[in-house]
Amino acid sequence: MKNNLKKLYITAGLLLFTLSFAQTTTTAIGTSKTWGTVDGISLVGLVQGPSSADAQLQVACVFEYTEGDIFNAQALPAKLNGLVHLDEALKGELTNIRKTGQFQGHSLETILITPPAGTMSAKKLLLIGLGDRNKFTPGLMTSVGEVAAREAMRLGVTNFAFASDLKDAGIDSPTALVAGNVVRGIVHANRSENYLKEHQLSTTKKLEKVYLLAGPAFFETAGGGIADAISEAQKK
């Protein structure tokens, strides 16, 4: 009996150690991985913040403004918070346009910003609203992915970087599902655009690559959701 209990304690200890290690494992900043390709679009995971990702267009998502929302205790620490870095790169203008109501962040609302030269890697920044943070559901991210892809094609870019920014805003969202839904939206938008082209109803450039940004602690989890969505899309 004692030996069985001892084995049980050892097994439980090893399990707790494994879980603890898994929760603290992070991916190095700058890491990139192509999770797969759908309809000629490479879907690349990238551990990078939205202010420094090297893409033609940067897409970032924000909720309706609440005072100090990206700086509060629930949000990621400033060192890892992409929205804080974005606000700093724009010299506080991300906060200003939200706080003054120039961009209200209603669900699927968009605004296109041209960052001053040298402030960001991307030449254009597209903000997409997520609405009321208290009413957020992961399903919204499918529509957000659609809007991002449609706007990117309308702007004539061949690649863009996408940051969901949910964790940065203090929302404890299901990472894999959110990432997968973004991919589902991108795929749907691209297939709709291909239909228009086949019927001579559109002349947009081909979307070639999307960088899906994730923080160091969420890269692998997000990648699992992205890979699942890619596999699902390839079967249709």
C-alpha atoms as a PDB file:
ATOM      1  CA  MET A   1       0.000   0.000   0.000  1.00  0.00           C
ATOM      2  CA  LYS A   2       2.797   2.379   0.967  1.00  0.00           C
ATOM      3  CA  ASN A   3       4.672   1.603  -2.253  1.00  0.00           C
ATOM      4  CA  ASN A   4       1.553   2.300  -4.306  1.00  0.00           C
ATOM      5  CA  LEU A   5       1.044   5.622  -2.557  1.00  0.00           C
ATOM      6  CA  LYS A   6       4.682   6.525  -3.113  1.00  0.00           C
ATOM      7  CA  LYS A   7       4.360   5.767  -6.831  1.00  0.00           C
ATOM      8  CA  LEU A   8       1.170   7.841  -6.948  1.00  0.00           C
ATOM      9  CA  TYR A   9       2.898  10.834  -5.332  1.00  0.00           C
ATOM     10  CA  ILE A  10       5.842  10.573  -7.729  1.00  0.00           C
ATOM     11  CA  THR A  11       3.545  10.339 -10.747  1.00  0.00           C
ATOM     12  CA  ALA A  12       1.502  13.327  -9.552  1.00  0.00           C
ATOM     13  CA  GLY A  13       4.674  15.323  -8.945  1.00  0.00           C
ATOM     14  CA  LEU A  14       5.995  14.589 -12.422  1.00  0.00           C
ATOM     15  CA  LEU A  15       2.638  15.583 -13.923  1.00  0.00           C
ATOM     16  CA  LEU A  16       2.593  18.880 -12.053  1.00  0.00           C
ATOM     17  CA  PHE A  17       6.171  19.572 -13.124  1.00  0.00           C
ATOM     18  CA  THR A  18       5.320  18.814 -16.753  1.00  0.00           C
ATOM     19  CA  LEU A  19       2.259  21.066 -16.684  1.00  0.00           C
ATOM     20  CA  SER A  20       4.213  23.850 -14.996  1.00  0.00           C
ATOM     21  CA  PHE A  21       6.991  23.590 -17.596  1.00  0.00           C
ATOM     22  CA  ALA A  22       4.487  23.606 -20.464  1.00  0.00           C
ATOM     23  CA  GLN A  23       2.805  26.727 -19.114  1.00  0.00           C
ATOM     24  CA  THR A  24       6.088  28.622 -18.868  1.00  0.00           C
ATOM     25  CA  THR A  25       7.573  27.511 -22.196  1.00  0.00           C
ATOM     26  CA  THR A  26       7.925  30.471 -24.559  1.00  0.00           C
ATOM     27  CA  THR A  27       8.995  30.929 -28.159  1.00  0.00           C
ATOM     28  CA  ALA A  28      11.772  33.378 -28.999  1.00  0.00           C
ATOM     29  CA  ILE A  29      10.795  36.748 -30.459  1.00  0.00           C
ATOM     30  CA  GLY A  30      11.422  36.753 -34.202  1.00  0.00           C
ATOM     31  CA  THR A  31      10.568  33.078 -34.629  1.00  0.00           C
ATOM     32  CA  SER A  32       8.552  32.361 -37.761  1.00  0.00           C
ATOM     33  CA  LYS A  33       6.947  29.209 -39.106  1.00  0.00           C
ATOM     34  CA  THR A  34       4.825  28.545 -42.160  1.00  0.00           C
ATOM     35  CA  TRP A  35       1.887  26.601 -40.798  1.00  0.00           C
ATOM     36  CA  GLY A  36       0.598  25.810 -44.276  1.00  0.00           C
ATOM     37  CA  THR A  37      -0.825  27.132 -47.529  1.00  0.00           C
ATOM     38  CA  VAL A  38      -4.409  27.517 -48.696  1.00  0.00           C
ATOM     39  CA  ASP A  39      -5.316  28.563 -52.237  1.00  0.00           C
ATOM     40  CA  GLY A  40      -1.818  29.931 -52.782  1.00  0.00           C
ATOM     41  CA  ILE A  41      -1.747  31.992 -49.559  1.00  0.00           C
ATOM     42  CA  SER A  42       1.091  31.134 -47.189  1.00  0.00           C
ATOM     43  CA  LEU A  43      -0.038  31.404 -43.570  1.00  0.00           C
ATOM     44  CA  VAL A  44       3.002  32.226 -41.468  1.00  0.00           C
ATOM     45  CA  GLY A  45       3.156  32.322 -37.685  1.00  0.00           C
ATOM     46  CA  LEU A  46       5.416  35.076 -36.367  1.00  0.00           C
ATOM     47  CA  VAL A  47       6.430  35.990 -32.827  1.00  0.00           C
ATOM     48  CA  GLN A  48       6.490  39.740 -33.228  1.00  0.00           C
ATOM     49  CA  GLY A  49       4.598  42.848 -32.185  1.00  0.00           C
ATOM     50  CA  PRO A  50       2.403  44.833 -34.613  1.00  0.00           C
ATOM     51  CA  SER A  51       4.709  47.854 -34.506  1.00  0.00           C
ATOM     52  CA  SER A  52       7.701  45.921 -35.843  1.00  0.00           C
ATOM     53  CA  ALA A  53       6.336  43.170 -38.117  1.00  0.00           C
ATOM     54  CA  ASP A  54       7.748  43.619 -41.624  1.00  0.00           C
ATOM     55  CA  ALA A  55       4.680  43.579 -43.895  1.00  0.00           C
ATOM     56  CA  GLN A  56       3.048  45.876 -46.442  1.00  0.00           C
ATOM     57  CA  LEU A  57       0.015  46.319 -44.185  1.00  0.00           C
ATOM     58  CA  GLN A  58      -0.389  45.811 -40.444  1.00  0.00           C
ATOM     59  CA  VAL A  59      -3.812  44.899 -39.080  1.00  0.00           C
ATOM     60  CA  ALA A  60      -4.540  45.325 -35.369  1.00  0.00           C
ATOM     61  CA  CYS A  61      -7.756  44.797 -33.429  1.00  0.00           C
ATOM     62  CA  VAL A  62      -9.091  46.956 -30.593  1.00  0.00           C
ATOM     63  CA  PHE A  63     -12.191  46.986 -28.410  1.00  0.00           C
ATOM     64  CA  GLU A  64     -14.359  49.980 -27.668  1.00  0.00           C
ATOM     65  CA  TYR A  65     -12.290  52.248 -25.449  1.00  0.00           C
ATOM     66  CA  THR A  66     -12.294  52.050 -21.682  1.00  0.00           C
ATOM     67  CA  GLU A  67      -9.933  54.177 -19.612  1.00  0.00           C
ATOM     68  CA  GLY A  68      -6.425  52.724 -19.560  1.00  0.00           C
ATOM     69  CA  ASP A  69      -7.618  49.423 -20.988  1.00  0.00           C
ATOM     70  CA  ILE A  70      -4.362  48.314 -22.587  1.00  0.00           C
ATOM     71  CA  PHE A  71      -2.385  49.312 -19.484  1.00  0.00           C
ATOM     72  CA  ASN A  72      -4.545  47.746 -16.772  1.00  0.00           C
ATOM     73  CA  ALA A  73      -3.646  44.781 -14.585  1.00  0.00           C
ATOM     74  CA  GLN A  74      -5.551  42.284 -16.743  1.00  0.00           C
ATOM     75  CA  ALA A  75      -3.665  43.240 -19.919  1.00  0.00           C
ATOM     76  CA  LEU A  76      -0.287  41.751 -20.763  1.00  0.00           C
ATOM     77  CA  PRO A  77       2.735  43.457 -19.170  1.00  0.00           C
ATOM     78  CA  ALA A  78       3.998  46.433 -21.185  1.00  0.00           C
ATOM     79  CA  LYS A  79       7.118  44.550 -22.266  1.00  0.00           C
ATOM     80  CA  LEU A  80       4.987  41.922 -24.036  1.00  0.00           C
ATOM     81  CA  ASN A  81       1.982  44.059 -24.962  1.00  0.00           C
ATOM     82  CA  GLY A  82       1.759  44.710 -28.702  1.00  0.00           C
ATOM     83  CA  LEU A  83      -0.870  47.437 -28.323  1.00  0.00           C
ATOM     84  CA  VAL A  84       1.322  49.318 -25.844  1.00  0.00           C
ATOM     85  CA  HIS A  85       4.241  49.089 -28.295  1.00  0.00           C
ATOM     86  CA  LEU A  86       1.963  50.285 -31.091  1.00  0.00           C
ATOM     87  CA  ASP A  87       0.788  53.216 -28.991  1.00  0.00           C
ATOM     88  CA  GLU A  88       4.388  54.110 -28.183  1.00  0.00           C
ATOM     89  CA  ALA A  89       5.413  53.911 -31.848  1.00  0.00           C
ATOM     90  CA  LEU A  90       2.588  56.298 -32.728  1.00  0.00           C
ATOM     91  CA  LYS A  91       3.515  58.611 -29.827  1.00  0.00           C
ATOM     92  CA  GLY A  92       0.263  57.995 -27.991  1.00  0.00           C
ATOM     93  CA  GLU A  93      -2.027  58.471 -30.992  1.00  0.00           C
ATOM     94  CA  LEU A  94      -3.515  54.974 -30.763  1.00  0.00           C
ATOM     95  CA  THR A  95      -4.891  55.932 -27.354  1.00  0.00           C
ATOM     96  CA  ASN A  96      -5.822  59.464 -28.476  1.00  0.00           C
ATOM     97  CA  ILE A  97      -7.952  58.448 -31.465  1.00  0.00           C
ATOM     98  CA  ARG A  98      -9.792  55.923 -29.309  1.00  0.00           C
ATOM     99  CA  LYS A  99     -10.191  58.152 -26.268  1.00  0.00           C
ATOM    100  CA  THR A 100     -11.525  61.087 -28.298  1.00  0.00           C
ATOM    101  CA  GLY A 101     -13.916  58.913 -30.297  1.00  0.00           C
ATOM    102  CA  GLN A 102     -12.230  59.404 -33.665  1.00  0.00           C
ATOM    103  CA  PHE A 103     -12.250  55.604 -33.816  1.00  0.00           C
ATOM    104  CA  GLN A 104     -14.857  54.068 -31.546  1.00  0.00           C
ATOM    105  CA  GLY A 105     -13.945  50.424 -32.049  1.00  0.00           C
ATOM    106  CA  HIS A 106     -17.467  49.218 -32.761  1.00  0.00           C
ATOM    107  CA  SER A 107     -17.664  45.661 -34.037  1.00  0.00           C
ATOM    108  CA  LEU A 108     -16.009  45.441 -37.505  1.00  0.00           C
ATOM    109  CA  GLU A 109     -15.529  49.220 -37.719  1.00  0.00           C
ATOM    110  CA  THR A 110     -12.306  50.082 -39.579  1.00  0.00           C
ATOM    111  CA  ILE A 111      -9.922  52.994 -39.882  1.00  0.00           C
ATOM    112  CA  LEU A 112      -6.802  53.205 -42.045  1.00  0.00           C
ATOM    113  CA  ILE A 113      -3.762  55.036 -40.686  1.00  0.00           C
ATOM    114  CA  THR A 114      -0.575  56.088 -42.444  1.00  0.00           C
ATOM    115  CA  PRO A 115       2.105  55.989 -39.722  1.00  0.00           C
ATOM    116  CA  PRO A 116       4.806  58.702 -39.859  1.00  0.00           C
ATOM    117  CA  ALA A 117       7.950  57.515 -41.632  1.00  0.00           C
ATOM    118  CA  GLY A 118      10.223  55.465 -39.406  1.00  0.00           C
ATOM    119  CA  THR A 119       7.666  54.757 -36.674  1.00  0.00           C
ATOM    120  CA  MET A 120       6.569  51.302 -37.877  1.00  0.00           C
ATOM    121  CA  SER A 121       7.805  48.638 -40.265  1.00  0.00           C
ATOM    122  CA  ALA A 122       4.480  48.571 -42.134  1.00  0.00           C
ATOM    123  CA  LYS A 123       3.567  51.523 -44.337  1.00  0.00           C
ATOM    124  CA  LYS A 124      -0.135  51.294 -43.456  1.00  0.00           C
ATOM    125  CA  LEU A 125      -2.010  50.363 -40.278  1.00  0.00           C
ATOM    126  CA  LEU A 126      -5.584  49.102 -40.377  1.00  0.00           C
ATOM    127  CA  LEU A 127      -7.507  49.046 -37.109  1.00  0.00           C
ATOM    128  CA  ILE A 128     -10.548  46.771 -36.841  1.00  0.00           C
ATOM    129  CA  GLY A 129     -13.036  47.194 -34.016  1.00  0.00           C
ATOM    130  CA  LEU A 130     -14.043  44.307 -31.760  1.00  0.00           C
ATOM    131  CA  GLY A 131     -16.969  46.054 -30.066  1.00  0.00           C
ATOM    132  CA  ASP A 132     -17.867  45.729 -26.382  1.00  0.00           C
ATOM    133  CA  ARG A 133     -15.226  43.643 -24.592  1.00  0.00           C
ATOM    134  CA  ASN A 134     -17.878  42.208 -22.279  1.00  0.00           C
ATOM    135  CA  LYS A 135     -19.795  40.755 -25.227  1.00  0.00           C
ATOM    136  CA  PHE A 136     -16.854  39.276 -27.128  1.00  0.00           C
ATOM    137  CA  THR A 137     -17.188  35.770 -28.564  1.00  0.00           C
ATOM    138  CA  PRO A 138     -14.524  33.897 -30.604  1.00  0.00           C
ATOM    139  CA  GLY A 139     -16.945  33.624 -33.531  1.00  0.00           C
ATOM    140  CA  LEU A 140     -16.477  37.339 -34.222  1.00  0.00           C
ATOM    141  CA  MET A 141     -12.901  36.648 -35.315  1.00  0.00           C
ATOM    142  CA  THR A 142     -14.069  34.861 -38.456  1.00  0.00           C
ATOM    143  CA  SER A 143     -15.700  38.086 -39.626  1.00  0.00           C
ATOM    144  CA  VAL A 144     -12.649  40.083 -38.484  1.00  0.00           C
ATOM    145  CA  GLY A 145     -10.417  37.845 -40.604  1.00  0.00           C
ATOM    146  CA  GLU A 146     -12.722  38.402 -43.582  1.00  0.00           C
ATOM    147  CA  VAL A 147     -12.623  42.176 -43.166  1.00  0.00           C
ATOM    148  CA  ALA A 148      -8.835  42.150 -42.837  1.00  0.00           C
ATOM    149  CA  ALA A 149      -8.358  40.144 -46.025  1.00  0.00           C
ATOM    150  CA  ARG A 150     -10.918  42.111 -48.049  1.00  0.00           C
ATOM    151  CA  GLU A 151      -9.389  45.437 -47.021  1.00  0.00           C
ATOM    152  CA  ALA A 152      -5.881  44.153 -47.764  1.00  0.00           C
ATOM    153  CA  MET A 153      -6.904  43.118 -51.283  1.00  0.00           C
ATOM    154  CA  ARG A 154      -8.771  46.381 -51.816  1.00  0.00           C
ATOM    155  CA  LEU A 155      -5.610  48.264 -50.847  1.00  0.00           C
ATOM    156  CA  GLY A 156      -3.617  46.299 -53.398  1.00  0.00           C
ATOM    157  CA  VAL A 157      -1.121  44.647 -51.043  1.00  0.00           C
ATOM    158  CA  THR A 158       0.129  41.110 -51.539  1.00  0.00           C
ATOM    159  CA  ASN A 159       0.857  40.466 -47.864  1.00  0.00           C
ATOM    160  CA  PHE A 160      -0.250  41.696 -44.468  1.00  0.00           C
ATOM    161  CA  ALA A 161       0.390  41.009 -40.785  1.00  0.00           C
ATOM    162  CA  PHE A 162      -2.514  40.342 -38.447  1.00  0.00           C
ATOM    163  CA  ALA A 163      -2.579  40.835 -34.678  1.00  0.00           C
ATOM    164  CA  SER A 164      -5.736  39.854 -32.794  1.00  0.00           C
ATOM    165  CA  ASP A 165      -4.553  41.783 -29.691  1.00  0.00           C
ATOM    166  CA  LEU A 166      -7.053  40.103 -27.374  1.00  0.00           C
ATOM    167  CA  LYS A 167      -4.516  39.165 -24.719  1.00  0.00           C
ATOM    168  CA  ASP A 168      -2.988  42.660 -25.000  1.00  0.00           C
ATOM    169  CA  ALA A 169      -6.398  44.079 -24.105  1.00  0.00           C
ATOM    170  CA  GLY A 170      -6.788  41.770 -21.112  1.00  0.00           C
ATOM    171  CA  ILE A 171      -9.258  39.287 -22.642  1.00  0.00           C
ATOM    172  CA  ASP A 172      -8.676  35.646 -21.667  1.00  0.00           C
ATOM    173  CA  SER A 173      -9.713  34.222 -25.025  1.00  0.00           C
ATOM    174  CA  PRO A 174      -9.297  30.657 -26.379  1.00  0.00           C
ATOM    175  CA  THR A 175      -6.088  31.206 -28.369  1.00  0.00           C
ATOM    176  CA  ALA A 176      -6.318  28.259 -30.763  1.00  0.00           C
ATOM    177  CA  LEU A 177      -9.965  28.870 -31.660  1.00  0.00           C
ATOM    178  CA  VAL A 178      -9.405  32.595 -32.198  1.00  0.00           C
ATOM    179  CA  ALA A 179      -6.405  31.995 -34.471  1.00  0.00           C
ATOM    180  CA  GLY A 180      -8.253  29.317 -36.407  1.00  0.00           C
ATOM    181  CA  ASN A 181     -11.289  31.536 -36.907  1.00  0.00           C
ATOM    182  CA  VAL A 182      -9.129  34.350 -38.278  1.00  0.00           C
ATOM    183  CA  VAL A 183      -7.756  31.923 -40.865  1.00  0.00           C
ATOM    184  CA  ARG A 184     -11.266  30.743 -41.733  1.00  0.00           C
ATOM    185  CA  GLY A 185     -12.295  34.332 -42.400  1.00  0.00           C
ATOM    186  CA  ILE A 186      -9.233  35.030 -44.546  1.00  0.00           C
ATOM    187  CA  VAL A 187      -9.833  31.901 -46.620  1.00  0.00           C
ATOM    188  CA  HIS A 188     -13.505  32.760 -47.160  1.00  0.00           C
ATOM    189  CA  ALA A 189     -12.714  36.325 -48.232  1.00  0.00           C
ATOM    190  CA  ASN A 190     -10.045  35.138 -50.649  1.00  0.00           C
ATOM    191  CA  ARG A 191     -12.317  32.528 -52.197  1.00  0.00           C
ATOM    192  CA  SER A 192     -15.055  35.120 -52.655  1.00  0.00           C
ATOM    193  CA  GLU A 193     -12.542  37.393 -54.373  1.00  0.00           C
ATOM    194  CA  ASN A 194     -11.415  34.542 -56.622  1.00  0.00           C
ATOM    195  CA  TYR A 195     -15.029  33.998 -57.619  1.00  0.00           C
ATOM    196  CA  LEU A 196     -15.326  37.674 -58.587  1.00  0.00           C
ATOM    197  CA  LYS A 197     -12.138  37.446 -60.656  1.00  0.00           C
ATOM    198  CA  GLU A 198     -13.372  34.342 -62.456  1.00  0.00           C
ATOM    199  CA  HIS A 199     -16.499  36.262 -63.425  1.00  0.00           C
ATOM    200  CA  GLN A 200     -14.565  39.384 -64.462  1.00  0.00           C
ATOM    201  CA  LEU A 201     -15.918  41.354 -61.519  1.00  0.00           C
ATOM    202  CA  SER A 202     -12.617  42.154 -59.797  1.00  0.00           C
ATOM    203  CA  THR A 203      -9.025  42.977 -60.720  1.00  0.00           C
ATOM    204  CA  THR A 204      -7.339  42.952 -57.304  1.00  0.00           C
ATOM    205  CA  LYS A 205      -3.822  41.636 -56.790  1.00  0.00           C
ATOM    206  CA  LYS A 206      -3.300  38.099 -55.584  1.00  0.00           C
ATOM    207  CA  LEU A 207      -2.910  37.828 -51.810  1.00  0.00           C
ATOM    208  CA  GLU A 208       0.259  35.780 -51.310  1.00  0.00           C
ATOM    209  CA  LYS A 209       1.143  35.755 -47.618  1.00  0.00           C
ATOM    210  CA  VAL A 210      -0.372  36.508 -44.226  1.00  0.00           C
ATOM    211  CA  TYR A 211       1.719  36.823 -41.076  1.00  0.00           C
ATOM    212  CA  LEU A 212      -0.288  35.770 -38.036  1.00  0.00           C
ATOM    213  CA  LEU A 213       1.327  37.420 -35.019  1.00  0.00           C
ATOM    214  CA  ALA A 214       1.454  35.774 -31.604  1.00  0.00           C
ATOM    215  CA  GLY A 215       3.173  36.485 -28.322  1.00  0.00           C
ATOM    216  CA  PRO A 216       6.022  34.242 -27.094  1.00  0.00           C
ATOM    217  CA  ALA A 217       3.749  32.331 -24.710  1.00  0.00           C
ATOM    218  CA  PHE A 218       0.976  31.716 -27.264  1.00  0.00           C
ATOM    219  CA  PHE A 219       2.814  30.855 -30.487  1.00  0.00           C
ATOM    220  CA  GLU A 220       2.465  27.064 -30.399  1.00  0.00           C
ATOM    221  CA  THR A 221      -1.127  27.119 -29.148  1.00  0.00           C
ATOM    222  CA  ALA A 222      -2.136  29.589 -31.862  1.00  0.00           C
ATOM    223  CA  GLY A 223      -0.292  27.460 -34.407  1.00  0.00           C
ATOM    224  CA  GLY A 224      -2.378  24.438 -33.495  1.00  0.00           C
ATOM    225  CA  GLY A 225      -5.573  26.351 -34.246  1.00  0.00           C
ATOM    226  CA  ILE A 226      -4.125  27.735 -37.480  1.00  0.00           C
ATOM    227  CA  ALA A 227      -3.024  24.278 -38.638  1.00  0.00           C
ATOM    228  CA  ASP A 228      -6.489  22.860 -37.899  1.00  0.00           C
ATOM    229  CA  ALA A 229      -8.177  25.614 -39.921  1.00  0.00           C
ATOM    230  CA  ILE A 230      -5.760  25.091 -42.815  1.00  0.00           C
ATOM    231  CA  SER A 231      -6.438  21.342 -42.840  1.00  0.00           C
ATOM    232  CA  GLU A 232     -10.174  22.018 -42.748  1.00  0.00           C
ATOM    233  CA  ALA A 233      -9.973  24.501 -45.654  1.00  0.00           C
ATOM    234  CA  GLN A 234      -7.864  22.169 -47.793  1.00  0.00           C
ATOM    235  CA  LYS A 235     -10.617  19.558 -47.646  1.00  0.00           C
ATOM    236  CA  LYS A 236     -13.224  21.932 -49.082  1.00  0.00           C
END
